[in-house]
Amino acid sequence: MNKVCYVDKRVSVIMPVYNDTKYIREAIRSVSCQTYQFWELIVVDDGSQQDIKMVLTPLLQDHRIHLIRLERNRGVANARNAGIQQATGRYVAFLDSDDVWHPEKLEKQLSLMEKRESAFSYTAIEMIDEKGEIKKEKRPVRKECTYNFLLKNTMIATSSVVVDRAFFGDFRMSDRRGGQDYATWLMLLRSGCLACGIDE
């Protein structure tokens, strides 16, 4: 992988969206409410038929939030890659437009990555309904994950991941319609990196 120029300590959050804007404002607010505030959010409109910019106008007043519009829909992997290409942060995190983060997510993950000297981190998740009520309790995750373990277990959720580009360089997501996130984690961990997890 090629080297990449980045702003140290900044987290670039990549959020693809296609038409469905029902939860995106709440997703964006969960980034704005992070205790770790040195971030940028890149929302990638994957050729939506809806006017995503109009929906997000009040939120775009925050200079850290950027909107990219792709002319035609080419799938979530391509949208995430368009966001990664524009990212200026050392760290890249992913958040789907119908997911939300707890306020201390980024702070805890970056602290763990520094402590463990790891370039890849992830967390547990909970499943909620449209009212924010928990439908499936936390699915436990291991505190460590290797390439060989991940081959047999798909426990890493996309919206939980933070990746350090100082280690991985200018990576891209696998360009496929299904399972592109899982394929990407395998590609990154194939380097021998030990991923660290937070069981929260």
N, C-alpha and C. Protein backbone atom coordinates (compact mmCIF):
# COMPACT_ATOMS: atom_id res chain seq x y z
N MET A 1 0.83 -1.20 0.00
CA MET A 1 0.00 0.00 0.00
C MET A 1 0.87 1.26 0.00
N ASN A 2 0.37 2.29 -0.63
CA ASN A 2 1.12 3.53 -0.74
C ASN A 2 1.04 4.34 0.54
N LYS A 3 2.01 5.24 0.70
CA LYS A 3 1.98 6.16 1.84
C LYS A 3 0.87 7.19 1.62
N VAL A 4 0.48 7.86 2.68
CA VAL A 4 -0.58 8.84 2.59
C VAL A 4 -0.24 10.03 3.48
N CYS A 5 -0.57 11.23 3.02
CA CYS A 5 -0.39 12.42 3.84
C CYS A 5 -1.63 12.60 4.71
N TYR A 6 -1.44 12.89 5.98
CA TYR A 6 -2.57 13.01 6.88
C TYR A 6 -2.26 13.99 8.00
N VAL A 7 -3.32 14.40 8.69
CA VAL A 7 -3.18 15.24 9.87
C VAL A 7 -3.13 14.33 11.09
N ASP A 8 -2.05 14.37 11.83
CA ASP A 8 -1.86 13.48 12.97
C ASP A 8 -2.97 13.69 14.01
N LYS A 9 -3.43 12.60 14.58
CA LYS A 9 -4.45 12.56 15.63
C LYS A 9 -5.87 12.82 15.15
N ARG A 10 -6.04 13.33 13.93
CA ARG A 10 -7.40 13.54 13.42
C ARG A 10 -8.02 12.22 13.00
N VAL A 11 -9.32 12.07 13.31
CA VAL A 11 -10.08 10.91 12.88
C VAL A 11 -11.00 11.33 11.74
N SER A 12 -10.90 10.66 10.62
CA SER A 12 -11.80 10.89 9.49
C SER A 12 -12.89 9.83 9.53
N VAL A 13 -14.12 10.27 9.75
CA VAL A 13 -15.26 9.37 9.84
C VAL A 13 -15.95 9.31 8.48
N ILE A 14 -16.09 8.11 7.94
CA ILE A 14 -16.67 7.93 6.62
C ILE A 14 -18.10 7.39 6.77
N MET A 15 -19.07 8.14 6.20
CA MET A 15 -20.48 7.75 6.31
C MET A 15 -21.15 7.74 4.94
N PRO A 16 -21.36 6.56 4.33
CA PRO A 16 -22.08 6.49 3.07
C PRO A 16 -23.59 6.58 3.31
N VAL A 17 -24.31 7.16 2.36
CA VAL A 17 -25.77 7.21 2.46
C VAL A 17 -26.37 7.10 1.07
N TYR A 18 -27.46 6.35 0.97
CA TYR A 18 -28.17 6.23 -0.30
C TYR A 18 -29.66 6.33 -0.02
N ASN A 19 -30.24 7.45 -0.34
CA ASN A 19 -31.68 7.73 -0.22
C ASN A 19 -32.21 7.75 1.22
N ASP A 20 -31.94 6.73 2.00
CA ASP A 20 -32.55 6.62 3.31
C ASP A 20 -31.95 7.63 4.28
N THR A 21 -32.71 8.69 4.59
CA THR A 21 -32.21 9.75 5.48
C THR A 21 -32.92 9.75 6.83
N LYS A 22 -33.66 8.69 7.12
CA LYS A 22 -34.49 8.67 8.32
C LYS A 22 -33.68 8.82 9.60
N TYR A 23 -32.49 8.21 9.63
CA TYR A 23 -31.70 8.19 10.86
C TYR A 23 -30.39 8.97 10.77
N ILE A 24 -30.10 9.55 9.60
CA ILE A 24 -28.77 10.10 9.39
C ILE A 24 -28.45 11.28 10.31
N ARG A 25 -29.45 12.08 10.64
CA ARG A 25 -29.19 13.21 11.53
C ARG A 25 -28.75 12.73 12.91
N GLU A 26 -29.40 11.68 13.38
CA GLU A 26 -29.03 11.11 14.68
C GLU A 26 -27.63 10.50 14.62
N ALA A 27 -27.32 9.86 13.49
CA ALA A 27 -25.98 9.28 13.32
C ALA A 27 -24.92 10.38 13.36
N ILE A 28 -25.17 11.48 12.67
CA ILE A 28 -24.22 12.59 12.64
C ILE A 28 -24.08 13.22 14.03
N ARG A 29 -25.17 13.37 14.73
CA ARG A 29 -25.09 13.94 16.08
C ARG A 29 -24.27 13.05 17.02
N SER A 30 -24.29 11.75 16.80
CA SER A 30 -23.49 10.86 17.64
C SER A 30 -22.00 11.05 17.41
N VAL A 31 -21.64 11.59 16.23
CA VAL A 31 -20.24 11.97 15.98
C VAL A 31 -19.96 13.31 16.65
N SER A 32 -20.86 14.25 16.49
CA SER A 32 -20.68 15.58 17.08
C SER A 32 -20.55 15.53 18.59
N CYS A 33 -21.17 14.54 19.22
CA CYS A 33 -21.17 14.43 20.69
C CYS A 33 -20.01 13.62 21.23
N GLN A 34 -19.06 13.25 20.39
CA GLN A 34 -17.91 12.48 20.87
C GLN A 34 -17.08 13.29 21.87
N THR A 35 -16.60 12.62 22.90
CA THR A 35 -15.70 13.28 23.85
C THR A 35 -14.36 13.60 23.18
N TYR A 36 -13.99 12.82 22.16
CA TYR A 36 -12.81 13.11 21.35
C TYR A 36 -13.27 13.99 20.19
N GLN A 37 -12.84 15.23 20.15
CA GLN A 37 -13.41 16.21 19.23
C GLN A 37 -12.56 16.52 17.99
N PHE A 38 -11.39 15.90 17.86
CA PHE A 38 -10.54 16.20 16.71
C PHE A 38 -10.87 15.24 15.57
N TRP A 39 -12.00 15.50 14.91
CA TRP A 39 -12.49 14.63 13.85
C TRP A 39 -12.99 15.46 12.68
N GLU A 40 -13.15 14.78 11.56
CA GLU A 40 -13.90 15.30 10.42
C GLU A 40 -14.86 14.20 10.00
N LEU A 41 -16.02 14.59 9.52
CA LEU A 41 -17.02 13.63 9.05
C LEU A 41 -17.24 13.84 7.57
N ILE A 42 -17.04 12.78 6.80
CA ILE A 42 -17.24 12.84 5.35
C ILE A 42 -18.46 12.00 5.01
N VAL A 43 -19.55 12.69 4.68
CA VAL A 43 -20.78 12.02 4.28
C VAL A 43 -20.75 11.85 2.77
N VAL A 44 -20.89 10.62 2.30
CA VAL A 44 -20.82 10.35 0.86
C VAL A 44 -22.20 9.96 0.35
N ASP A 45 -22.80 10.85 -0.43
CA ASP A 45 -24.09 10.60 -1.04
C ASP A 45 -23.87 9.75 -2.29
N ASP A 46 -24.30 8.49 -2.21
CA ASP A 46 -24.02 7.53 -3.28
C ASP A 46 -25.09 7.60 -4.38
N GLY A 47 -25.22 8.79 -4.99
CA GLY A 47 -26.15 8.96 -6.10
C GLY A 47 -27.60 8.88 -5.69
N SER A 48 -27.93 9.42 -4.52
CA SER A 48 -29.31 9.36 -4.03
C SER A 48 -30.27 10.13 -4.93
N GLN A 49 -31.52 9.70 -4.96
CA GLN A 49 -32.56 10.43 -5.67
C GLN A 49 -33.13 11.53 -4.79
N GLN A 50 -32.97 11.38 -3.48
CA GLN A 50 -33.39 12.42 -2.54
C GLN A 50 -32.34 13.52 -2.48
N ASP A 51 -32.75 14.70 -2.03
CA ASP A 51 -31.82 15.82 -1.87
C ASP A 51 -31.18 15.73 -0.49
N ILE A 52 -30.06 15.01 -0.43
CA ILE A 52 -29.38 14.78 0.85
C ILE A 52 -28.87 16.09 1.43
N LYS A 53 -28.39 16.98 0.57
CA LYS A 53 -27.84 18.25 1.05
C LYS A 53 -28.89 19.08 1.77
N MET A 54 -30.11 19.09 1.25
CA MET A 54 -31.17 19.85 1.89
C MET A 54 -31.48 19.28 3.28
N VAL A 55 -31.47 17.97 3.40
CA VAL A 55 -31.75 17.32 4.69
C VAL A 55 -30.67 17.68 5.71
N LEU A 56 -29.43 17.80 5.24
CA LEU A 56 -28.30 17.98 6.16
C LEU A 56 -27.88 19.44 6.34
N THR A 57 -28.52 20.38 5.65
CA THR A 57 -28.08 21.78 5.66
C THR A 57 -27.77 22.33 7.05
N PRO A 58 -28.64 22.16 8.05
CA PRO A 58 -28.32 22.71 9.38
C PRO A 58 -27.05 22.11 9.98
N LEU A 59 -26.82 20.83 9.72
CA LEU A 59 -25.65 20.16 10.29
C LEU A 59 -24.36 20.53 9.58
N LEU A 60 -24.47 20.92 8.31
CA LEU A 60 -23.29 21.25 7.53
C LEU A 60 -22.66 22.58 7.94
N GLN A 61 -23.28 23.29 8.87
CA GLN A 61 -22.69 24.52 9.39
C GLN A 61 -21.44 24.23 10.21
N ASP A 62 -21.33 22.99 10.70
CA ASP A 62 -20.11 22.56 11.39
C ASP A 62 -19.04 22.34 10.32
N HIS A 63 -17.95 23.09 10.36
CA HIS A 63 -16.93 23.04 9.31
C HIS A 63 -16.24 21.70 9.22
N ARG A 64 -16.43 20.85 10.22
CA ARG A 64 -15.80 19.53 10.21
C ARG A 64 -16.62 18.51 9.42
N ILE A 65 -17.83 18.88 9.03
CA ILE A 65 -18.71 17.96 8.31
C ILE A 65 -18.72 18.32 6.83
N HIS A 66 -18.40 17.34 6.00
CA HIS A 66 -18.30 17.56 4.56
C HIS A 66 -19.25 16.61 3.83
N LEU A 67 -19.81 17.05 2.74
CA LEU A 67 -20.70 16.22 1.94
C LEU A 67 -20.12 16.06 0.54
N ILE A 68 -19.99 14.82 0.12
CA ILE A 68 -19.55 14.49 -1.23
C ILE A 68 -20.72 13.83 -1.96
N ARG A 69 -21.01 14.29 -3.16
CA ARG A 69 -22.08 13.65 -3.93
C ARG A 69 -21.50 12.90 -5.12
N LEU A 70 -21.81 11.61 -5.23
CA LEU A 70 -21.43 10.81 -6.38
C LEU A 70 -22.59 10.84 -7.38
N GLU A 71 -22.28 10.93 -8.64
CA GLU A 71 -23.31 11.12 -9.66
C GLU A 71 -24.22 9.92 -9.82
N ARG A 72 -23.68 8.72 -9.62
CA ARG A 72 -24.54 7.54 -9.75
C ARG A 72 -24.21 6.53 -8.66
N ASN A 73 -25.20 5.72 -8.34
CA ASN A 73 -25.05 4.73 -7.29
C ASN A 73 -24.18 3.57 -7.77
N ARG A 74 -23.09 3.34 -7.02
CA ARG A 74 -22.19 2.24 -7.37
C ARG A 74 -21.91 1.33 -6.18
N GLY A 75 -22.66 1.50 -5.11
CA GLY A 75 -22.51 0.59 -3.98
C GLY A 75 -21.71 1.17 -2.84
N VAL A 76 -21.89 0.56 -1.68
CA VAL A 76 -21.33 1.12 -0.45
C VAL A 76 -19.80 1.08 -0.43
N ALA A 77 -19.19 0.06 -1.04
CA ALA A 77 -17.73 -0.02 -1.05
C ALA A 77 -17.14 1.16 -1.81
N ASN A 78 -17.69 1.46 -2.99
CA ASN A 78 -17.21 2.59 -3.78
C ASN A 78 -17.42 3.90 -3.03
N ALA A 79 -18.57 4.03 -2.35
CA ALA A 79 -18.84 5.25 -1.60
C ALA A 79 -17.84 5.43 -0.47
N ARG A 80 -17.58 4.36 0.26
CA ARG A 80 -16.59 4.45 1.35
C ARG A 80 -15.21 4.80 0.79
N ASN A 81 -14.86 4.23 -0.34
CA ASN A 81 -13.55 4.54 -0.94
C ASN A 81 -13.46 5.99 -1.38
N ALA A 82 -14.56 6.55 -1.87
CA ALA A 82 -14.56 7.97 -2.22
C ALA A 82 -14.32 8.82 -0.99
N GLY A 83 -14.89 8.40 0.14
CA GLY A 83 -14.66 9.10 1.40
C GLY A 83 -13.23 8.98 1.88
N ILE A 84 -12.70 7.77 1.80
CA ILE A 84 -11.30 7.54 2.22
C ILE A 84 -10.36 8.39 1.39
N GLN A 85 -10.64 8.50 0.11
CA GLN A 85 -9.79 9.29 -0.79
C GLN A 85 -9.74 10.75 -0.38
N GLN A 86 -10.84 11.27 0.18
CA GLN A 86 -10.90 12.66 0.61
C GLN A 86 -10.45 12.87 2.05
N ALA A 87 -10.27 11.78 2.78
CA ALA A 87 -9.96 11.86 4.21
C ALA A 87 -8.60 12.51 4.45
N THR A 88 -8.53 13.35 5.47
CA THR A 88 -7.27 14.02 5.81
C THR A 88 -6.70 13.52 7.13
N GLY A 89 -7.41 12.67 7.84
CA GLY A 89 -6.98 12.23 9.16
C GLY A 89 -6.04 11.04 9.12
N ARG A 90 -5.25 10.94 10.16
CA ARG A 90 -4.39 9.76 10.32
C ARG A 90 -5.24 8.51 10.52
N TYR A 91 -6.34 8.69 11.25
CA TYR A 91 -7.21 7.56 11.55
C TYR A 91 -8.46 7.62 10.68
N VAL A 92 -8.94 6.45 10.26
CA VAL A 92 -10.18 6.35 9.51
C VAL A 92 -11.15 5.49 10.30
N ALA A 93 -12.35 6.01 10.51
CA ALA A 93 -13.42 5.27 11.19
C ALA A 93 -14.62 5.21 10.26
N PHE A 94 -15.45 4.20 10.46
CA PHE A 94 -16.62 4.02 9.61
C PHE A 94 -17.89 4.06 10.45
N LEU A 95 -18.90 4.76 9.93
CA LEU A 95 -20.19 4.82 10.60
C LEU A 95 -21.28 4.82 9.55
N ASP A 96 -22.14 3.81 9.57
CA ASP A 96 -23.25 3.78 8.63
C ASP A 96 -24.30 4.79 9.05
N SER A 97 -25.10 5.24 8.09
CA SER A 97 -26.02 6.35 8.33
C SER A 97 -27.23 5.97 9.17
N ASP A 98 -27.38 4.69 9.49
CA ASP A 98 -28.46 4.27 10.38
C ASP A 98 -27.93 3.67 11.68
N ASP A 99 -26.67 3.97 12.00
CA ASP A 99 -26.04 3.54 13.25
C ASP A 99 -25.70 4.75 14.10
N VAL A 100 -25.48 4.54 15.39
CA VAL A 100 -25.05 5.61 16.30
C VAL A 100 -23.93 5.11 17.20
N TRP A 101 -23.11 6.05 17.64
CA TRP A 101 -22.01 5.75 18.55
C TRP A 101 -22.32 6.24 19.95
N HIS A 102 -21.76 5.54 20.95
CA HIS A 102 -21.75 6.09 22.30
C HIS A 102 -20.72 7.22 22.34
N PRO A 103 -20.90 8.21 23.22
CA PRO A 103 -20.05 9.40 23.21
C PRO A 103 -18.56 9.16 23.41
N GLU A 104 -18.18 8.11 24.13
CA GLU A 104 -16.76 7.90 24.42
C GLU A 104 -16.09 6.92 23.46
N LYS A 105 -16.78 6.54 22.41
CA LYS A 105 -16.26 5.51 21.51
C LYS A 105 -14.87 5.83 20.98
N LEU A 106 -14.72 6.96 20.30
CA LEU A 106 -13.44 7.28 19.69
C LEU A 106 -12.34 7.45 20.74
N GLU A 107 -12.65 8.14 21.82
CA GLU A 107 -11.65 8.36 22.86
C GLU A 107 -11.12 7.04 23.41
N LYS A 108 -12.01 6.11 23.69
CA LYS A 108 -11.59 4.82 24.24
C LYS A 108 -10.79 4.01 23.24
N GLN A 109 -11.21 4.03 21.98
CA GLN A 109 -10.48 3.25 20.99
C GLN A 109 -9.09 3.80 20.72
N LEU A 110 -8.97 5.10 20.58
CA LEU A 110 -7.66 5.68 20.32
C LEU A 110 -6.73 5.46 21.50
N SER A 111 -7.26 5.55 22.71
CA SER A 111 -6.45 5.30 23.90
C SER A 111 -5.94 3.87 23.91
N LEU A 112 -6.81 2.93 23.57
CA LEU A 112 -6.41 1.53 23.53
C LEU A 112 -5.39 1.27 22.44
N MET A 113 -5.58 1.87 21.27
CA MET A 113 -4.64 1.67 20.17
C MET A 113 -3.25 2.18 20.53
N GLU A 114 -3.22 3.31 21.22
CA GLU A 114 -1.92 3.84 21.66
C GLU A 114 -1.28 2.93 22.71
N LYS A 115 -2.08 2.49 23.65
CA LYS A 115 -1.58 1.64 24.72
C LYS A 115 -1.07 0.30 24.20
N ARG A 116 -1.83 -0.28 23.26
CA ARG A 116 -1.47 -1.60 22.73
C ARG A 116 -0.58 -1.53 21.50
N GLU A 117 -0.31 -0.31 21.03
CA GLU A 117 0.46 -0.11 19.81
C GLU A 117 -0.15 -0.90 18.65
N SER A 118 -1.45 -0.77 18.53
CA SER A 118 -2.20 -1.48 17.49
C SER A 118 -2.71 -0.48 16.46
N ALA A 119 -2.76 -0.90 15.21
CA ALA A 119 -3.21 -0.03 14.12
C ALA A 119 -4.65 -0.29 13.71
N PHE A 120 -5.33 -1.16 14.47
CA PHE A 120 -6.69 -1.55 14.09
C PHE A 120 -7.46 -1.84 15.38
N SER A 121 -8.63 -1.23 15.52
CA SER A 121 -9.45 -1.51 16.71
C SER A 121 -10.91 -1.63 16.33
N TYR A 122 -11.66 -2.27 17.21
CA TYR A 122 -13.09 -2.50 16.98
C TYR A 122 -13.77 -2.63 18.34
N THR A 123 -15.09 -2.60 18.34
CA THR A 123 -15.84 -2.72 19.60
C THR A 123 -16.98 -3.71 19.42
N ALA A 124 -17.64 -3.99 20.53
CA ALA A 124 -18.89 -4.75 20.48
C ALA A 124 -20.01 -3.82 19.99
N ILE A 125 -21.14 -4.40 19.67
CA ILE A 125 -22.29 -3.62 19.22
C ILE A 125 -23.56 -4.11 19.92
N GLU A 126 -24.57 -3.25 19.90
CA GLU A 126 -25.92 -3.63 20.31
C GLU A 126 -26.84 -3.34 19.14
N MET A 127 -27.92 -4.09 19.02
CA MET A 127 -28.91 -3.86 17.98
C MET A 127 -30.08 -3.11 18.58
N ILE A 128 -30.45 -1.98 17.95
CA ILE A 128 -31.56 -1.18 18.45
C ILE A 128 -32.64 -1.04 17.39
N ASP A 129 -33.85 -0.69 17.83
CA ASP A 129 -34.92 -0.45 16.88
C ASP A 129 -35.00 1.04 16.56
N GLU A 130 -36.02 1.44 15.81
CA GLU A 130 -36.10 2.83 15.36
C GLU A 130 -36.34 3.82 16.49
N LYS A 131 -36.73 3.31 17.66
CA LYS A 131 -36.93 4.17 18.83
C LYS A 131 -35.70 4.20 19.73
N GLY A 132 -34.65 3.48 19.33
CA GLY A 132 -33.43 3.45 20.11
C GLY A 132 -33.45 2.43 21.24
N GLU A 133 -34.47 1.59 21.27
CA GLU A 133 -34.58 0.57 22.31
C GLU A 133 -33.81 -0.67 21.88
N ILE A 134 -33.10 -1.27 22.85
CA ILE A 134 -32.26 -2.42 22.55
C ILE A 134 -33.10 -3.64 22.21
N LYS A 135 -32.81 -4.23 21.04
CA LYS A 135 -33.49 -5.44 20.60
C LYS A 135 -32.62 -6.68 20.75
N LYS A 136 -31.31 -6.50 20.62
CA LYS A 136 -30.36 -7.59 20.84
C LYS A 136 -29.24 -7.05 21.71
N GLU A 137 -29.02 -7.72 22.83
CA GLU A 137 -27.99 -7.29 23.76
C GLU A 137 -26.61 -7.40 23.12
N LYS A 138 -25.63 -6.83 23.78
CA LYS A 138 -24.26 -6.81 23.29
C LYS A 138 -23.77 -8.20 22.90
N ARG A 139 -23.21 -8.29 21.72
CA ARG A 139 -22.56 -9.53 21.29
C ARG A 139 -21.08 -9.42 21.66
N PRO A 140 -20.61 -10.28 22.57
CA PRO A 140 -19.23 -10.15 23.06
C PRO A 140 -18.20 -10.26 21.93
N VAL A 141 -17.12 -9.51 22.06
CA VAL A 141 -16.01 -9.61 21.11
C VAL A 141 -14.72 -9.89 21.88
N ARG A 142 -13.77 -10.50 21.20
CA ARG A 142 -12.47 -10.79 21.81
C ARG A 142 -11.64 -9.53 21.95
N LYS A 143 -10.73 -9.54 22.90
CA LYS A 143 -9.84 -8.39 23.10
C LYS A 143 -8.74 -8.34 22.06
N GLU A 144 -8.54 -9.44 21.34
CA GLU A 144 -7.56 -9.48 20.27
C GLU A 144 -8.12 -10.26 19.09
N CYS A 145 -7.68 -9.91 17.91
CA CYS A 145 -8.12 -10.63 16.72
C CYS A 145 -6.99 -10.67 15.72
N THR A 146 -6.68 -11.86 15.23
CA THR A 146 -5.65 -12.04 14.21
C THR A 146 -6.30 -12.41 12.88
N TYR A 147 -5.51 -12.40 11.85
CA TYR A 147 -5.99 -12.80 10.53
C TYR A 147 -6.57 -14.22 10.57
N ASN A 148 -5.84 -15.14 11.18
CA ASN A 148 -6.30 -16.53 11.21
C ASN A 148 -7.61 -16.69 11.97
N PHE A 149 -7.78 -15.93 13.06
CA PHE A 149 -9.04 -16.02 13.80
C PHE A 149 -10.18 -15.44 12.98
N LEU A 150 -9.91 -14.33 12.31
CA LEU A 150 -10.96 -13.66 11.54
C LEU A 150 -11.43 -14.50 10.36
N LEU A 151 -10.57 -15.37 9.85
CA LEU A 151 -10.96 -16.26 8.76
C LEU A 151 -12.17 -17.11 9.13
N LYS A 152 -12.32 -17.39 10.44
CA LYS A 152 -13.37 -18.30 10.89
C LYS A 152 -14.45 -17.57 11.69
N ASN A 153 -14.36 -16.25 11.79
CA ASN A 153 -15.28 -15.52 12.64
C ASN A 153 -15.46 -14.10 12.10
N THR A 154 -16.71 -13.68 11.91
CA THR A 154 -16.97 -12.35 11.34
C THR A 154 -17.45 -11.37 12.41
N MET A 155 -16.78 -11.35 13.55
CA MET A 155 -17.28 -10.60 14.69
C MET A 155 -17.08 -9.09 14.58
N ILE A 156 -16.31 -8.60 13.61
CA ILE A 156 -16.00 -7.17 13.54
C ILE A 156 -17.07 -6.43 12.74
N ALA A 157 -17.79 -5.54 13.41
CA ALA A 157 -18.83 -4.73 12.76
C ALA A 157 -18.22 -3.47 12.16
N THR A 158 -18.65 -3.12 10.97
CA THR A 158 -18.05 -1.99 10.25
C THR A 158 -18.09 -0.69 11.04
N SER A 159 -19.24 -0.38 11.64
CA SER A 159 -19.38 0.89 12.35
C SER A 159 -18.60 0.94 13.66
N SER A 160 -17.89 -0.13 13.97
CA SER A 160 -17.08 -0.14 15.19
C SER A 160 -15.59 0.06 14.92
N VAL A 161 -15.19 0.06 13.66
CA VAL A 161 -13.77 -0.02 13.29
C VAL A 161 -13.08 1.35 13.25
N VAL A 162 -11.83 1.39 13.75
CA VAL A 162 -10.92 2.52 13.56
C VAL A 162 -9.60 1.96 13.03
N VAL A 163 -9.07 2.57 11.97
CA VAL A 163 -7.85 2.10 11.30
C VAL A 163 -6.82 3.21 11.29
N ASP A 164 -5.57 2.87 11.57
CA ASP A 164 -4.47 3.83 11.60
C ASP A 164 -3.72 3.81 10.27
N ARG A 165 -3.82 4.89 9.51
CA ARG A 165 -3.16 4.95 8.21
C ARG A 165 -1.66 5.18 8.31
N ALA A 166 -1.17 5.51 9.49
CA ALA A 166 0.28 5.61 9.66
C ALA A 166 0.91 4.23 9.49
N PHE A 167 0.15 3.20 9.76
CA PHE A 167 0.63 1.82 9.61
C PHE A 167 0.22 1.23 8.26
N PHE A 168 -1.06 1.38 7.91
CA PHE A 168 -1.58 0.71 6.72
C PHE A 168 -1.41 1.50 5.43
N GLY A 169 -1.16 2.80 5.53
CA GLY A 169 -1.03 3.61 4.32
C GLY A 169 -2.37 3.86 3.66
N ASP A 170 -2.33 4.08 2.36
CA ASP A 170 -3.51 4.50 1.60
C ASP A 170 -4.33 3.28 1.16
N PHE A 171 -5.02 2.67 2.11
CA PHE A 171 -5.80 1.47 1.81
C PHE A 171 -7.15 1.83 1.19
N ARG A 172 -7.78 0.85 0.56
CA ARG A 172 -9.13 0.99 0.02
C ARG A 172 -9.94 -0.24 0.40
N MET A 173 -11.26 -0.08 0.45
CA MET A 173 -12.13 -1.22 0.70
C MET A 173 -12.22 -2.07 -0.55
N SER A 174 -12.39 -3.36 -0.33
CA SER A 174 -12.58 -4.29 -1.44
C SER A 174 -13.80 -3.87 -2.25
N ASP A 175 -13.65 -3.76 -3.56
CA ASP A 175 -14.72 -3.24 -4.42
C ASP A 175 -15.63 -4.38 -4.87
N ARG A 176 -16.53 -4.76 -3.95
CA ARG A 176 -17.50 -5.80 -4.25
C ARG A 176 -18.81 -5.43 -3.59
N ARG A 177 -19.90 -5.99 -4.07
CA ARG A 177 -21.22 -5.61 -3.57
C ARG A 177 -21.51 -6.18 -2.19
N GLY A 178 -21.04 -7.37 -1.90
CA GLY A 178 -21.33 -8.00 -0.62
C GLY A 178 -20.07 -8.42 0.10
N GLY A 179 -20.07 -8.26 1.42
CA GLY A 179 -18.94 -8.71 2.24
C GLY A 179 -17.67 -7.92 2.05
N GLN A 180 -17.80 -6.69 1.51
CA GLN A 180 -16.60 -5.90 1.23
C GLN A 180 -15.88 -5.47 2.51
N ASP A 181 -16.64 -5.26 3.58
CA ASP A 181 -16.01 -4.88 4.84
C ASP A 181 -15.18 -6.03 5.41
N TYR A 182 -15.77 -7.22 5.44
CA TYR A 182 -15.06 -8.40 5.94
C TYR A 182 -13.80 -8.68 5.12
N ALA A 183 -13.91 -8.57 3.80
CA ALA A 183 -12.75 -8.78 2.93
C ALA A 183 -11.66 -7.75 3.22
N THR A 184 -12.06 -6.52 3.54
CA THR A 184 -11.10 -5.46 3.84
C THR A 184 -10.37 -5.73 5.14
N TRP A 185 -11.12 -6.14 6.17
CA TRP A 185 -10.45 -6.44 7.45
C TRP A 185 -9.44 -7.57 7.27
N LEU A 186 -9.80 -8.59 6.49
CA LEU A 186 -8.85 -9.68 6.23
C LEU A 186 -7.61 -9.16 5.51
N MET A 187 -7.82 -8.30 4.53
CA MET A 187 -6.69 -7.72 3.78
C MET A 187 -5.75 -6.97 4.72
N LEU A 188 -6.32 -6.17 5.62
CA LEU A 188 -5.49 -5.37 6.52
C LEU A 188 -4.77 -6.25 7.54
N LEU A 189 -5.47 -7.22 8.10
CA LEU A 189 -4.85 -8.06 9.13
C LEU A 189 -3.86 -9.05 8.55
N ARG A 190 -3.93 -9.26 7.26
CA ARG A 190 -2.96 -10.15 6.61
C ARG A 190 -1.54 -9.63 6.75
N SER A 191 -1.41 -8.35 7.03
CA SER A 191 -0.09 -7.74 7.21
C SER A 191 0.59 -8.21 8.48
N GLY A 192 -0.16 -8.90 9.35
CA GLY A 192 0.40 -9.34 10.62
C GLY A 192 -0.02 -8.46 11.77
N CYS A 193 -0.78 -7.41 11.49
CA CYS A 193 -1.27 -6.52 12.54
C CYS A 193 -2.20 -7.27 13.48
N LEU A 194 -2.07 -7.04 14.77
CA LEU A 194 -2.97 -7.59 15.76
C LEU A 194 -4.04 -6.56 16.06
N ALA A 195 -5.28 -6.87 15.74
CA ALA A 195 -6.38 -5.96 16.02
C ALA A 195 -6.77 -6.06 17.48
N CYS A 196 -7.12 -4.94 18.09
CA CYS A 196 -7.53 -4.94 19.50
C CYS A 196 -8.98 -4.55 19.62
N GLY A 197 -9.68 -5.22 20.54
CA GLY A 197 -11.10 -5.01 20.67
C GLY A 197 -11.49 -4.49 22.05
N ILE A 198 -12.60 -3.77 22.10
CA ILE A 198 -13.19 -3.32 23.35
C ILE A 198 -14.54 -4.00 23.49
N ASP A 199 -14.72 -4.78 24.51
CA ASP A 199 -15.95 -5.54 24.68
C ASP A 199 -17.01 -4.67 25.33
N GLU A 200 -17.30 -3.56 24.68
CA GLU A 200 -18.34 -2.62 25.12
C GLU A 200 -19.15 -2.22 23.90
